[in-house]
PDB file of N, CA and C in Angstrom:
ATOM      1  N   UNK A   1       0.845  -1.170   0.000  1.00  0.00           N
ATOM      2  CA  UNK A   1       0.000   0.000   0.000  1.00  0.00           C
ATOM      3  C   UNK A   1       0.891   1.236   0.000  1.00  0.00           C
ATOM      4  N   UNK A   2       0.462   2.241  -0.679  1.00  0.00           N
ATOM      5  CA  UNK A   2       1.193   3.494  -0.747  1.00  0.00           C
ATOM      6  C   UNK A   2       1.220   4.117   0.656  1.00  0.00           C
ATOM      7  N   UNK A   3       2.413   4.458   1.125  1.00  0.00           N
ATOM      8  CA  UNK A   3       2.547   4.975   2.494  1.00  0.00           C
ATOM      9  C   UNK A   3       1.888   6.334   2.670  1.00  0.00           C
ATOM     10  N   UNK A   4       1.715   7.086   1.596  1.00  0.00           N
ATOM     11  CA  UNK A   4       1.027   8.380   1.708  1.00  0.00           C
ATOM     12  C   UNK A   4      -0.474   8.185   1.919  1.00  0.00           C
ATOM     13  N   UNK A   5      -1.002   7.071   1.484  1.00  0.00           N
ATOM     14  CA  UNK A   5      -2.433   6.818   1.638  1.00  0.00           C
ATOM     15  C   UNK A   5      -2.774   6.160   2.978  1.00  0.00           C
ATOM     16  N   UNK A   6      -1.794   5.638   3.670  1.00  0.00           N
ATOM     17  CA  UNK A   6      -2.046   4.949   4.934  1.00  0.00           C
ATOM     18  C   UNK A   6      -2.734   5.851   5.962  1.00  0.00           C
ATOM     19  N   UNK A   7      -2.268   7.089   6.211  1.00  0.00           N
ATOM     20  CA  UNK A   7      -2.964   7.946   7.177  1.00  0.00           C
ATOM     21  C   UNK A   7      -4.399   8.265   6.744  1.00  0.00           C
ATOM     22  N   UNK A   8      -4.615   8.445   5.460  1.00  0.00           N
ATOM     23  CA  UNK A   8      -5.957   8.744   4.965  1.00  0.00           C
ATOM     24  C   UNK A   8      -6.866   7.538   5.188  1.00  0.00           C
ATOM     25  N   UNK A   9      -6.365   6.350   4.856  1.00  0.00           N
ATOM     26  CA  UNK A   9      -7.136   5.125   5.053  1.00  0.00           C
ATOM     27  C   UNK A   9      -7.449   4.919   6.535  1.00  0.00           C
ATOM     28  N   UNK A  10      -6.472   5.162   7.389  1.00  0.00           N
ATOM     29  CA  UNK A  10      -6.671   5.009   8.834  1.00  0.00           C
ATOM     30  C   UNK A  10      -7.735   5.976   9.338  1.00  0.00           C
ATOM     31  N   UNK A  11      -7.659   7.227   8.900  1.00  0.00           N
ATOM     32  CA  UNK A  11      -8.630   8.236   9.312  1.00  0.00           C
ATOM     33  C   UNK A  11     -10.041   7.862   8.860  1.00  0.00           C
ATOM     34  N   UNK A  12     -10.175   7.396   7.633  1.00  0.00           N
ATOM     35  CA  UNK A  12     -11.485   6.993   7.123  1.00  0.00           C
ATOM     36  C   UNK A  12     -12.035   5.787   7.885  1.00  0.00           C
ATOM     37  N   UNK A  13     -11.169   4.854   8.221  1.00  0.00           N
ATOM     38  CA  UNK A  13     -11.594   3.673   8.974  1.00  0.00           C
ATOM     39  C   UNK A  13     -12.085   4.061  10.362  1.00  0.00           C
ATOM     40  N   UNK A  14     -11.329   4.915  11.044  1.00  0.00           N
ATOM     41  CA  UNK A  14     -11.723   5.369  12.377  1.00  0.00           C
ATOM     42  C   UNK A  14     -13.043   6.135  12.309  1.00  0.00           C
ATOM     43  N   UNK A  15     -13.201   6.987  11.313  1.00  0.00           N
ATOM     44  CA  UNK A  15     -14.444   7.748  11.164  1.00  0.00           C
ATOM     45  C   UNK A  15     -15.628   6.821  10.915  1.00  0.00           C
ATOM     46  N   UNK A  16     -15.432   5.807  10.097  1.00  0.00           N
ATOM     47  CA  UNK A  16     -16.511   4.861   9.809  1.00  0.00           C
ATOM     48  C   UNK A  16     -16.900   4.076  11.058  1.00  0.00           C
ATOM     49  N   UNK A  17     -15.913   3.654  11.828  1.00  0.00           N
ATOM     50  CA  UNK A  17     -16.201   2.904  13.053  1.00  0.00           C
ATOM     51  C   UNK A  17     -16.882   3.785  14.097  1.00  0.00           C
ATOM     52  N   UNK A  18     -16.462   5.027  14.188  1.00  0.00           N
ATOM     53  CA  UNK A  18     -17.037   5.936  15.175  1.00  0.00           C
ATOM     54  C   UNK A  18     -18.497   6.235  14.869  1.00  0.00           C
ATOM     55  N   UNK A  19     -18.835   6.351  13.613  1.00  0.00           N
ATOM     56  CA  UNK A  19     -20.217   6.663  13.261  1.00  0.00           C
ATOM     57  C   UNK A  19     -21.095   5.427  13.201  1.00  0.00           C
ATOM     58  N   UNK A  20     -20.505   4.257  13.076  1.00  0.00           N
ATOM     59  CA  UNK A  20     -21.322   3.043  12.967  1.00  0.00           C
ATOM     60  C   UNK A  20     -22.050   2.728  14.261  1.00  0.00           C
ATOM     61  N   UNK A  21     -21.503   3.111  15.406  1.00  0.00           N
ATOM     62  CA  UNK A  21     -22.163   2.835  16.684  1.00  0.00           C
ATOM     63  C   UNK A  21     -23.501   3.555  16.774  1.00  0.00           C
ATOM     64  N   UNK A  22     -23.593   4.728  16.148  1.00  0.00           N
ATOM     65  CA  UNK A  22     -24.842   5.473  16.211  1.00  0.00           C
ATOM     66  C   UNK A  22     -25.927   4.852  15.344  1.00  0.00           C
ATOM     67  N   UNK A  23     -25.576   3.898  14.510  1.00  0.00           N
ATOM     68  CA  UNK A  23     -26.555   3.231  13.649  1.00  0.00           C
ATOM     69  C   UNK A  23     -27.373   2.201  14.419  1.00  0.00           C
ATOM     70  N   UNK A  24     -26.900   1.769  15.565  1.00  0.00           N
ATOM     71  CA  UNK A  24     -27.586   0.753  16.344  1.00  0.00           C
ATOM     72  C   UNK A  24     -28.474   1.416  17.392  1.00  0.00           C
ATOM     73  N   UNK A  25     -29.643   0.867  17.584  1.00  0.00           N
ATOM     74  CA  UNK A  25     -30.548   1.397  18.600  1.00  0.00           C
ATOM     75  C   UNK A  25     -30.018   1.036  19.981  1.00  0.00           C
ATOM     76  N   UNK A  26     -30.158   1.970  20.909  1.00  0.00           N
ATOM     77  CA  UNK A  26     -29.720   1.713  22.274  1.00  0.00           C
ATOM     78  C   UNK A  26     -30.598   0.630  22.897  1.00  0.00           C
ATOM     79  N   UNK A  27     -29.985  -0.222  23.704  1.00  0.00           N
ATOM     80  CA  UNK A  27     -30.722  -1.294  24.377  1.00  0.00           C
ATOM     81  C   UNK A  27     -31.550  -0.707  25.514  1.00  0.00           C
ATOM     82  N   UNK A  28     -32.837  -1.001  25.521  1.00  0.00           N
ATOM     83  CA  UNK A  28     -33.715  -0.495  26.572  1.00  0.00           C
ATOM     84  C   UNK A  28     -33.443  -1.241  27.875  1.00  0.00           C
ATOM     85  N   UNK A  29     -33.396  -0.483  28.967  1.00  0.00           N
ATOM     86  CA  UNK A  29     -33.082  -1.043  30.277  1.00  0.00           C
ATOM     87  C   UNK A  29     -33.880  -0.270  31.320  1.00  0.00           C
ATOM     88  N   UNK A  30     -34.644  -0.968  32.133  1.00  0.00           N
ATOM     89  CA  UNK A  30     -35.450  -0.323  33.168  1.00  0.00           C
ATOM     90  C   UNK A  30     -34.866  -0.644  34.536  1.00  0.00           C
ATOM     91  N   UNK A  31     -34.555   0.416  35.276  1.00  0.00           N
ATOM     92  CA  UNK A  31     -33.967   0.299  36.609  1.00  0.00           C
ATOM     93  C   UNK A  31     -34.980   0.818  37.621  1.00  0.00           C
ATOM     94  N   UNK A  32     -35.286   0.025  38.630  1.00  0.00           N
ATOM     95  CA  UNK A  32     -36.265   0.380  39.648  1.00  0.00           C
ATOM     96  C   UNK A  32     -35.547   0.612  40.969  1.00  0.00           C
ATOM     97  N   UNK A  33     -35.645   1.840  41.488  1.00  0.00           N
ATOM     98  CA  UNK A  33     -35.014   2.130  42.774  1.00  0.00           C
ATOM     99  C   UNK A  33     -35.886   1.569  43.895  1.00  0.00           C
ATOM    100  N   UNK A  34     -35.331   1.529  45.086  1.00  0.00           N
ATOM    101  CA  UNK A  34     -36.066   0.962  46.217  1.00  0.00           C
ATOM    102  C   UNK A  34     -36.898   1.991  46.972  1.00  0.00           C
ATOM    103  N   UNK A  35     -36.810   3.256  46.570  1.00  0.00           N
ATOM    104  CA  UNK A  35     -37.542   4.313  47.269  1.00  0.00           C
ATOM    105  C   UNK A  35     -37.663   5.497  46.342  1.00  0.00           C
ATOM    106  N   UNK A  36     -38.303   6.555  46.824  1.00  0.00           N
ATOM    107  CA  UNK A  36     -38.381   7.789  46.053  1.00  0.00           C
ATOM    108  C   UNK A  36     -36.967   8.289  45.756  1.00  0.00           C
ATOM    109  N   UNK A  37     -36.840   9.147  44.752  1.00  0.00           N
ATOM    110  CA  UNK A  37     -35.529   9.709  44.418  1.00  0.00           C
ATOM    111  C   UNK A  37     -34.943  10.389  45.659  1.00  0.00           C
ATOM    112  N   UNK A  38     -33.682  10.066  45.946  1.00  0.00           N
ATOM    113  CA  UNK A  38     -33.008  10.633  47.107  1.00  0.00           C
ATOM    114  C   UNK A  38     -31.513  10.676  46.832  1.00  0.00           C
ATOM    115  N   UNK A  39     -30.769  11.291  47.722  1.00  0.00           N
ATOM    116  CA  UNK A  39     -29.332  11.491  47.508  1.00  0.00           C
ATOM    117  C   UNK A  39     -28.590  10.188  47.238  1.00  0.00           C
ATOM    118  N   UNK A  40     -28.989   9.120  47.899  1.00  0.00           N
ATOM    119  CA  UNK A  40     -28.304   7.841  47.718  1.00  0.00           C
ATOM    120  C   UNK A  40     -28.425   7.307  46.291  1.00  0.00           C
ATOM    121  N   UNK A  41     -29.428   7.763  45.573  1.00  0.00           N
ATOM    122  CA  UNK A  41     -29.630   7.338  44.186  1.00  0.00           C
ATOM    123  C   UNK A  41     -29.018   8.325  43.194  1.00  0.00           C
ATOM    124  N   UNK A  42     -28.386   9.360  43.705  1.00  0.00           N
ATOM    125  CA  UNK A  42     -27.883  10.436  42.855  1.00  0.00           C
ATOM    126  C   UNK A  42     -26.993   9.990  41.719  1.00  0.00           C
ATOM    127  N   UNK A  43     -26.149   9.005  41.961  1.00  0.00           N
ATOM    128  CA  UNK A  43     -25.242   8.532  40.915  1.00  0.00           C
ATOM    129  C   UNK A  43     -25.974   7.964  39.717  1.00  0.00           C
ATOM    130  N   UNK A  44     -27.086   7.283  39.966  1.00  0.00           N
ATOM    131  CA  UNK A  44     -27.867   6.714  38.865  1.00  0.00           C
ATOM    132  C   UNK A  44     -28.485   7.822  38.012  1.00  0.00           C
ATOM    133  N   UNK A  45     -29.045   8.837  38.687  1.00  0.00           N
ATOM    134  CA  UNK A  45     -29.658   9.952  37.971  1.00  0.00           C
ATOM    135  C   UNK A  45     -28.601  10.814  37.276  1.00  0.00           C
ATOM    136  N   UNK A  46     -27.445  10.984  37.903  1.00  0.00           N
ATOM    137  CA  UNK A  46     -26.368  11.767  37.299  1.00  0.00           C
ATOM    138  C   UNK A  46     -25.863  11.092  36.032  1.00  0.00           C
ATOM    139  N   UNK A  47     -25.720   9.777  36.074  1.00  0.00           N
ATOM    140  CA  UNK A  47     -25.274   9.044  34.885  1.00  0.00           C
ATOM    141  C   UNK A  47     -26.267   9.209  33.746  1.00  0.00           C
ATOM    142  N   UNK A  48     -27.548   9.240  34.077  1.00  0.00           N
ATOM    143  CA  UNK A  48     -28.559   9.438  33.041  1.00  0.00           C
ATOM    144  C   UNK A  48     -28.502  10.867  32.506  1.00  0.00           C
ATOM    145  N   UNK A  49     -28.376  11.845  33.399  1.00  0.00           N
ATOM    146  CA  UNK A  49     -28.367  13.252  32.995  1.00  0.00           C
ATOM    147  C   UNK A  49     -27.152  13.610  32.148  1.00  0.00           C
ATOM    148  N   UNK A  50     -26.026  12.982  32.416  1.00  0.00           N
ATOM    149  CA  UNK A  50     -24.806  13.314  31.673  1.00  0.00           C
ATOM    150  C   UNK A  50     -24.595  12.434  30.447  1.00  0.00           C
ATOM    151  N   UNK A  51     -25.503  11.495  30.200  1.00  0.00           N
ATOM    152  CA  UNK A  51     -25.416  10.676  28.999  1.00  0.00           C
ATOM    153  C   UNK A  51     -24.501   9.476  29.093  1.00  0.00           C
ATOM    154  N   UNK A  52     -24.088   9.095  30.299  1.00  0.00           N
ATOM    155  CA  UNK A  52     -23.199   7.938  30.436  1.00  0.00           C
ATOM    156  C   UNK A  52     -23.868   6.642  29.983  1.00  0.00           C
ATOM    157  N   UNK A  53     -25.140   6.486  30.307  1.00  0.00           N
ATOM    158  CA  UNK A  53     -25.849   5.281  29.872  1.00  0.00           C
ATOM    159  C   UNK A  53     -25.942   5.250  28.345  1.00  0.00           C
ATOM    160  N   UNK A  54     -26.307   6.381  27.775  1.00  0.00           N
ATOM    161  CA  UNK A  54     -26.441   6.464  26.319  1.00  0.00           C
ATOM    162  C   UNK A  54     -25.102   6.183  25.649  1.00  0.00           C
ATOM    163  N   UNK A  55     -24.038   6.705  26.219  1.00  0.00           N
ATOM    164  CA  UNK A  55     -22.695   6.474  25.675  1.00  0.00           C
ATOM    165  C   UNK A  55     -22.349   4.983  25.694  1.00  0.00           C
ATOM    166  N   UNK A  56     -22.886   4.260  26.663  1.00  0.00           N
ATOM    167  CA  UNK A  56     -22.640   2.818  26.770  1.00  0.00           C
ATOM    168  C   UNK A  56     -23.630   2.002  25.940  1.00  0.00           C
ATOM    169  N   UNK A  57     -24.504   2.687  25.199  1.00  0.00           N
ATOM    170  CA  UNK A  57     -25.452   1.984  24.343  1.00  0.00           C
ATOM    171  C   UNK A  57     -26.721   1.545  25.052  1.00  0.00           C
ATOM    172  N   UNK A  58     -27.052   2.224  26.158  1.00  0.00           N
ATOM    173  CA  UNK A  58     -28.243   1.864  26.928  1.00  0.00           C
ATOM    174  C   UNK A  58     -29.256   3.001  26.925  1.00  0.00           C
ATOM    175  N   UNK A  59     -30.506   2.653  26.768  1.00  0.00           N
ATOM    176  CA  UNK A  59     -31.612   3.594  26.901  1.00  0.00           C
ATOM    177  C   UNK A  59     -32.257   3.285  28.248  1.00  0.00           C
ATOM    178  N   UNK A  60     -31.780   3.951  29.296  1.00  0.00           N
ATOM    179  CA  UNK A  60     -32.176   3.617  30.668  1.00  0.00           C
ATOM    180  C   UNK A  60     -33.378   4.446  31.110  1.00  0.00           C
ATOM    181  N   UNK A  61     -34.368   3.748  31.642  1.00  0.00           N
ATOM    182  CA  UNK A  61     -35.497   4.393  32.292  1.00  0.00           C
ATOM    183  C   UNK A  61     -35.378   4.082  33.779  1.00  0.00           C
ATOM    184  N   UNK A  62     -35.369   5.127  34.610  1.00  0.00           N
ATOM    185  CA  UNK A  62     -35.292   4.940  36.057  1.00  0.00           C
ATOM    186  C   UNK A  62     -36.686   5.144  36.630  1.00  0.00           C
ATOM    187  N   UNK A  63     -37.189   4.115  37.298  1.00  0.00           N
ATOM    188  CA  UNK A  63     -38.486   4.193  37.969  1.00  0.00           C
ATOM    189  C   UNK A  63     -38.247   4.216  39.472  1.00  0.00           C
ATOM    190  N   UNK A  64     -39.096   4.970  40.176  1.00  0.00           N
ATOM    191  CA  UNK A  64     -38.953   5.068  41.625  1.00  0.00           C
ATOM    192  C   UNK A  64     -39.812   4.034  42.339  1.00  0.00           C
ATOM    193  N   UNK A  65     -39.239   3.460  43.380  1.00  0.00           N
ATOM    194  CA  UNK A  65     -40.008   2.616  44.281  1.00  0.00           C
ATOM    195  C   UNK A  65     -40.691   3.505  45.301  1.00  0.00           C
ATOM    196  N   UNK A  66     -41.068   2.941  46.407  1.00  0.00           N
ATOM    197  CA  UNK A  66     -41.708   3.724  47.456  1.00  0.00           C
ATOM    198  C   UNK A  66     -42.357   2.804  48.464  1.00  0.00           C
ATOM    199  N   UNK A  67     -43.119   3.384  49.387  1.00  0.00           N
ATOM    200  CA  UNK A  67     -43.771   2.559  50.401  1.00  0.00           C
ATOM    201  C   UNK A  67     -44.783   1.616  49.756  1.00  0.00           C
ATOM    202  N   UNK A  68     -44.862   0.429  50.289  1.00  0.00           N
ATOM    203  CA  UNK A  68     -45.805  -0.588  49.831  1.00  0.00           C
ATOM    204  C   UNK A  68     -45.552  -1.052  48.397  1.00  0.00           C
ATOM    205  N   UNK A  69     -44.363  -0.814  47.865  1.00  0.00           N
ATOM    206  CA  UNK A  69     -44.012  -1.288  46.523  1.00  0.00           C
ATOM    207  C   UNK A  69     -43.004  -2.416  46.680  1.00  0.00           C
ATOM    208  N   UNK A  70     -43.367  -3.581  46.223  1.00  0.00           N
ATOM    209  CA  UNK A  70     -42.481  -4.737  46.292  1.00  0.00           C
ATOM    210  C   UNK A  70     -41.630  -4.744  45.022  1.00  0.00           C
ATOM    211  N   UNK A  71     -40.432  -4.173  45.115  1.00  0.00           N
ATOM    212  CA  UNK A  71     -39.593  -4.013  43.922  1.00  0.00           C
ATOM    213  C   UNK A  71     -39.139  -5.353  43.354  1.00  0.00           C
ATOM    214  N   UNK A  72     -38.907  -6.322  44.214  1.00  0.00           N
ATOM    215  CA  UNK A  72     -38.492  -7.642  43.736  1.00  0.00           C
ATOM    216  C   UNK A  72     -39.618  -8.311  42.946  1.00  0.00           C
ATOM    217  N   UNK A  73     -40.835  -8.157  43.422  1.00  0.00           N
ATOM    218  CA  UNK A  73     -41.980  -8.736  42.722  1.00  0.00           C
ATOM    219  C   UNK A  73     -42.163  -8.075  41.358  1.00  0.00           C
ATOM    220  N   UNK A  74     -42.004  -6.760  41.303  1.00  0.00           N
ATOM    221  CA  UNK A  74     -42.119  -6.055  40.024  1.00  0.00           C
ATOM    222  C   UNK A  74     -41.024  -6.488  39.058  1.00  0.00           C
ATOM    223  N   UNK A  75     -39.809  -6.674  39.576  1.00  0.00           N
ATOM    224  CA  UNK A  75     -38.716  -7.134  38.722  1.00  0.00           C
ATOM    225  C   UNK A  75     -39.007  -8.540  38.206  1.00  0.00           C
ATOM    226  N   UNK A  76     -39.477  -9.415  39.086  1.00  0.00           N
ATOM    227  CA  UNK A  76     -39.784 -10.788  38.685  1.00  0.00           C
ATOM    228  C   UNK A  76     -40.895 -10.830  37.641  1.00  0.00           C
ATOM    229  N   UNK A  77     -41.793  -9.834  37.680  1.00  0.00           N
ATOM    230  CA  UNK A  77     -42.901  -9.768  36.727  1.00  0.00           C
ATOM    231  C   UNK A  77     -42.495  -9.104  35.415  1.00  0.00           C
ATOM    232  N   UNK A  78     -41.223  -8.717  35.308  1.00  0.00           N
ATOM    233  CA  UNK A  78     -40.747  -8.120  34.067  1.00  0.00           C
ATOM    234  C   UNK A  78     -40.955  -6.624  33.960  1.00  0.00           C
ATOM    235  N   UNK A  79     -41.337  -5.974  35.059  1.00  0.00           N
ATOM    236  CA  UNK A  79     -41.544  -4.529  35.041  1.00  0.00           C
ATOM    237  C   UNK A  79     -40.240  -3.748  35.160  1.00  0.00           C
ATOM    238  N   UNK A  80     -39.158  -4.440  35.487  1.00  0.00           N
ATOM    239  CA  UNK A  80     -37.841  -3.807  35.594  1.00  0.00           C
ATOM    240  C   UNK A  80     -36.782  -4.850  35.275  1.00  0.00           C
ATOM    241  N   UNK A  81     -35.671  -4.393  34.724  1.00  0.00           N
ATOM    242  CA  UNK A  81     -34.556  -5.295  34.430  1.00  0.00           C
ATOM    243  C   UNK A  81     -33.704  -5.540  35.664  1.00  0.00           C
ATOM    244  N   UNK A  82     -33.611  -4.537  36.534  1.00  0.00           N
ATOM    245  CA  UNK A  82     -32.925  -4.716  37.810  1.00  0.00           C
ATOM    246  C   UNK A  82     -33.475  -3.712  38.798  1.00  0.00           C
ATOM    247  N   UNK A  83     -33.167  -3.948  40.062  1.00  0.00           N
ATOM    248  CA  UNK A  83     -33.705  -3.104  41.120  1.00  0.00           C
ATOM    249  C   UNK A  83     -32.716  -3.006  42.275  1.00  0.00           C
ATOM    250  N   UNK A  84     -32.935  -2.019  43.111  1.00  0.00           N
ATOM    251  CA  UNK A  84     -32.202  -1.933  44.370  1.00  0.00           C
ATOM    252  C   UNK A  84     -32.981  -2.708  45.415  1.00  0.00           C
ATOM    253  N   UNK A  85     -32.277  -3.370  46.290  1.00  0.00           N
ATOM    254  CA  UNK A  85     -32.941  -4.096  47.359  1.00  0.00           C
ATOM    255  C   UNK A  85     -31.936  -4.433  48.441  1.00  0.00           C
ATOM    256  N   UNK A  86     -32.426  -5.042  49.499  1.00  0.00           N
ATOM    257  CA  UNK A  86     -31.517  -5.441  50.567  1.00  0.00           C
ATOM    258  C   UNK A  86     -31.427  -6.961  50.621  1.00  0.00           C
ATOM    259  N   UNK A  87     -30.546  -7.444  51.456  1.00  0.00           N
ATOM    260  CA  UNK A  87     -30.325  -8.889  51.530  1.00  0.00           C
ATOM    261  C   UNK A  87     -31.570  -9.649  51.975  1.00  0.00           C
ATOM    262  N   UNK A  88     -32.355  -9.060  52.857  1.00  0.00           N
ATOM    263  CA  UNK A  88     -33.587  -9.706  53.292  1.00  0.00           C
ATOM    264  C   UNK A  88     -34.547  -9.916  52.133  1.00  0.00           C
ATOM    265  N   UNK A  89     -34.675  -8.895  51.299  1.00  0.00           N
ATOM    266  CA  UNK A  89     -35.533  -9.027  50.119  1.00  0.00           C
ATOM    267  C   UNK A  89     -35.004 -10.099  49.178  1.00  0.00           C
ATOM    268  N   UNK A  90     -33.696 -10.148  49.028  1.00  0.00           N
ATOM    269  CA  UNK A  90     -33.104 -11.148  48.135  1.00  0.00           C
ATOM    270  C   UNK A  90     -33.409 -12.556  48.629  1.00  0.00           C
ATOM    271  N   UNK A  91     -33.275 -12.773  49.930  1.00  0.00           N
ATOM    272  CA  UNK A  91     -33.561 -14.098  50.491  1.00  0.00           C
ATOM    273  C   UNK A  91     -35.035 -14.465  50.357  1.00  0.00           C
ATOM    274  N   UNK A  92     -35.910 -13.496  50.616  1.00  0.00           N
ATOM    275  CA  UNK A  92     -37.346 -13.748  50.462  1.00  0.00           C
ATOM    276  C   UNK A  92     -37.694 -14.054  49.009  1.00  0.00           C
ATOM    277  N   UNK A  93     -37.045 -13.373  48.096  1.00  0.00           N
ATOM    278  CA  UNK A  93     -37.294 -13.580  46.670  1.00  0.00           C
ATOM    279  C   UNK A  93     -36.858 -14.978  46.257  1.00  0.00           C
ATOM    280  N   UNK A  94     -35.680 -15.391  46.726  1.00  0.00           N
ATOM    281  CA  UNK A  94     -35.208 -16.754  46.434  1.00  0.00           C
ATOM    282  C   UNK A  94     -36.165 -17.785  47.016  1.00  0.00           C
ATOM    283  N   UNK A  95     -36.611 -17.542  48.232  1.00  0.00           N
ATOM    284  CA  UNK A  95     -37.527 -18.471  48.890  1.00  0.00           C
ATOM    285  C   UNK A  95     -38.837 -18.598  48.109  1.00  0.00           C
ATOM    286  N   UNK A  96     -39.236 -17.519  47.440  1.00  0.00           N
ATOM    287  CA  UNK A  96     -40.463 -17.533  46.634  1.00  0.00           C
ATOM    288  C   UNK A  96     -40.240 -18.158  45.262  1.00  0.00           C
ATOM    289  N   UNK A  97     -39.003 -18.552  44.974  1.00  0.00           N
ATOM    290  CA  UNK A  97     -38.723 -19.224  43.708  1.00  0.00           C
ATOM    291  C   UNK A  97     -38.205 -18.336  42.599  1.00  0.00           C
ATOM    292  N   UNK A  98     -37.978 -17.062  42.887  1.00  0.00           N
ATOM    293  CA  UNK A  98     -37.410 -16.146  41.889  1.00  0.00           C
ATOM    294  C   UNK A  98     -35.918 -16.050  42.158  1.00  0.00           C
ATOM    295  N   UNK A  99     -35.132 -16.482  41.224  1.00  0.00           N
ATOM    296  CA  UNK A  99     -33.690 -16.553  41.437  1.00  0.00           C
ATOM    297  C   UNK A  99     -32.995 -15.279  40.975  1.00  0.00           C
ATOM    298  N   UNK A 100     -33.108 -14.238  41.783  1.00  0.00           N
ATOM    299  CA  UNK A 100     -32.424 -12.976  41.523  1.00  0.00           C
ATOM    300  C   UNK A 100     -30.970 -13.109  41.957  1.00  0.00           C
ATOM    301  N   UNK A 101     -30.109 -12.379  41.302  1.00  0.00           N
ATOM    302  CA  UNK A 101     -28.680 -12.434  41.578  1.00  0.00           C
ATOM    303  C   UNK A 101     -28.208 -11.053  42.012  1.00  0.00           C
ATOM    304  N   UNK A 102     -27.459 -10.989  43.095  1.00  0.00           N
ATOM    305  CA  UNK A 102     -26.859  -9.727  43.513  1.00  0.00           C
ATOM    306  C   UNK A 102     -25.696  -9.433  42.577  1.00  0.00           C
ATOM    307  N   UNK A 103     -25.756  -8.281  41.916  1.00  0.00           N
ATOM    308  CA  UNK A 103     -24.703  -7.947  40.957  1.00  0.00           C
ATOM    309  C   UNK A 103     -23.814  -6.804  41.420  1.00  0.00           C
ATOM    310  N   UNK A 104     -24.197  -6.101  42.478  1.00  0.00           N
ATOM    311  CA  UNK A 104     -23.366  -5.000  42.964  1.00  0.00           C
ATOM    312  C   UNK A 104     -23.791  -4.619  44.372  1.00  0.00           C
ATOM    313  N   UNK A 105     -22.845  -4.149  45.147  1.00  0.00           N
ATOM    314  CA  UNK A 105     -23.141  -3.517  46.417  1.00  0.00           C
ATOM    315  C   UNK A 105     -23.044  -2.026  46.176  1.00  0.00           C
ATOM    316  N   UNK A 106     -24.099  -1.312  46.487  1.00  0.00           N
ATOM    317  CA  UNK A 106     -24.184   0.091  46.111  1.00  0.00           C
ATOM    318  C   UNK A 106     -23.708   1.024  47.214  1.00  0.00           C
ATOM    319  N   UNK A 107     -24.116   0.760  48.453  1.00  0.00           N
ATOM    320  CA  UNK A 107     -23.806   1.667  49.542  1.00  0.00           C
ATOM    321  C   UNK A 107     -22.706   1.087  50.422  1.00  0.00           C
ATOM    322  N   UNK A 108     -21.817   1.935  50.889  1.00  0.00           N
ATOM    323  CA  UNK A 108     -20.674   1.483  51.667  1.00  0.00           C
ATOM    324  C   UNK A 108     -21.086   0.866  53.003  1.00  0.00           C
ATOM    325  N   UNK A 109     -22.065   1.437  53.662  1.00  0.00           N
ATOM    326  CA  UNK A 109     -22.446   0.971  54.998  1.00  0.00           C
ATOM    327  C   UNK A 109     -23.871   0.433  55.035  1.00  0.00           C
ATOM    328  N   UNK A 110     -24.250  -0.287  54.028  1.00  0.00           N
ATOM    329  CA  UNK A 110     -25.600  -0.813  53.963  1.00  0.00           C
ATOM    330  C   UNK A 110     -25.589  -2.169  53.285  1.00  0.00           C
ATOM    331  N   UNK A 111     -26.628  -2.917  53.500  1.00  0.00           N
ATOM    332  CA  UNK A 111     -26.741  -4.221  52.852  1.00  0.00           C
ATOM    333  C   UNK A 111     -27.481  -4.125  51.523  1.00  0.00           C
ATOM    334  N   UNK A 112     -27.764  -2.907  51.068  1.00  0.00           N
ATOM    335  CA  UNK A 112     -28.459  -2.741  49.795  1.00  0.00           C
ATOM    336  C   UNK A 112     -27.595  -3.199  48.645  1.00  0.00           C
ATOM    337  N   UNK A 113     -28.229  -3.646  47.579  1.00  0.00           N
ATOM    338  CA  UNK A 113     -27.511  -4.095  46.397  1.00  0.00           C
ATOM    339  C   UNK A 113     -28.378  -3.956  45.165  1.00  0.00           C
ATOM    340  N   UNK A 114     -27.842  -4.319  44.029  1.00  0.00           N
ATOM    341  CA  UNK A 114     -28.570  -4.306  42.771  1.00  0.00           C
ATOM    342  C   UNK A 114     -28.794  -5.752  42.372  1.00  0.00           C
ATOM    343  N   UNK A 115     -30.013  -6.097  42.005  1.00  0.00           N
ATOM    344  CA  UNK A 115     -30.364  -7.476  41.686  1.00  0.00           C
ATOM    345  C   UNK A 115     -30.856  -7.592  40.254  1.00  0.00           C
ATOM    346  N   UNK A 116     -30.688  -8.768  39.695  1.00  0.00           N
ATOM    347  CA  UNK A 116     -31.130  -9.057  38.329  1.00  0.00           C
ATOM    348  C   UNK A 116     -31.720 -10.455  38.309  1.00  0.00           C
ATOM    349  N   UNK A 117     -32.837 -10.652  37.619  1.00  0.00           N
ATOM    350  CA  UNK A 117     -33.449 -11.986  37.634  1.00  0.00           C
ATOM    351  C   UNK A 117     -32.628 -13.001  36.862  1.00  0.00           C
TER     352      UNK A 117
END
């Protein structure tokens, strides 16, 4: 290959790859918090506001939990892809036959985590 054309070819290849990602639809993902929006959930909302989810190819919808809302039951019913919960909820969910998996510990001094069916 002509060495003068190599930088041009490289630039065109990089440009094509960079624009090809925008051709794919973002994957829809529903996240259900364990309570109303609060400071502890700030990182999730900040990531959405700054476009971090979109940059990762995700179309994230954040839904709020609250009193009398069984987030594990809603997740098991397909209303959310993952949710915040505590270890007690995880054990109760397993006991009910829904095999949710703890995928992250969110708070430093809490038993809360993120679960996925």
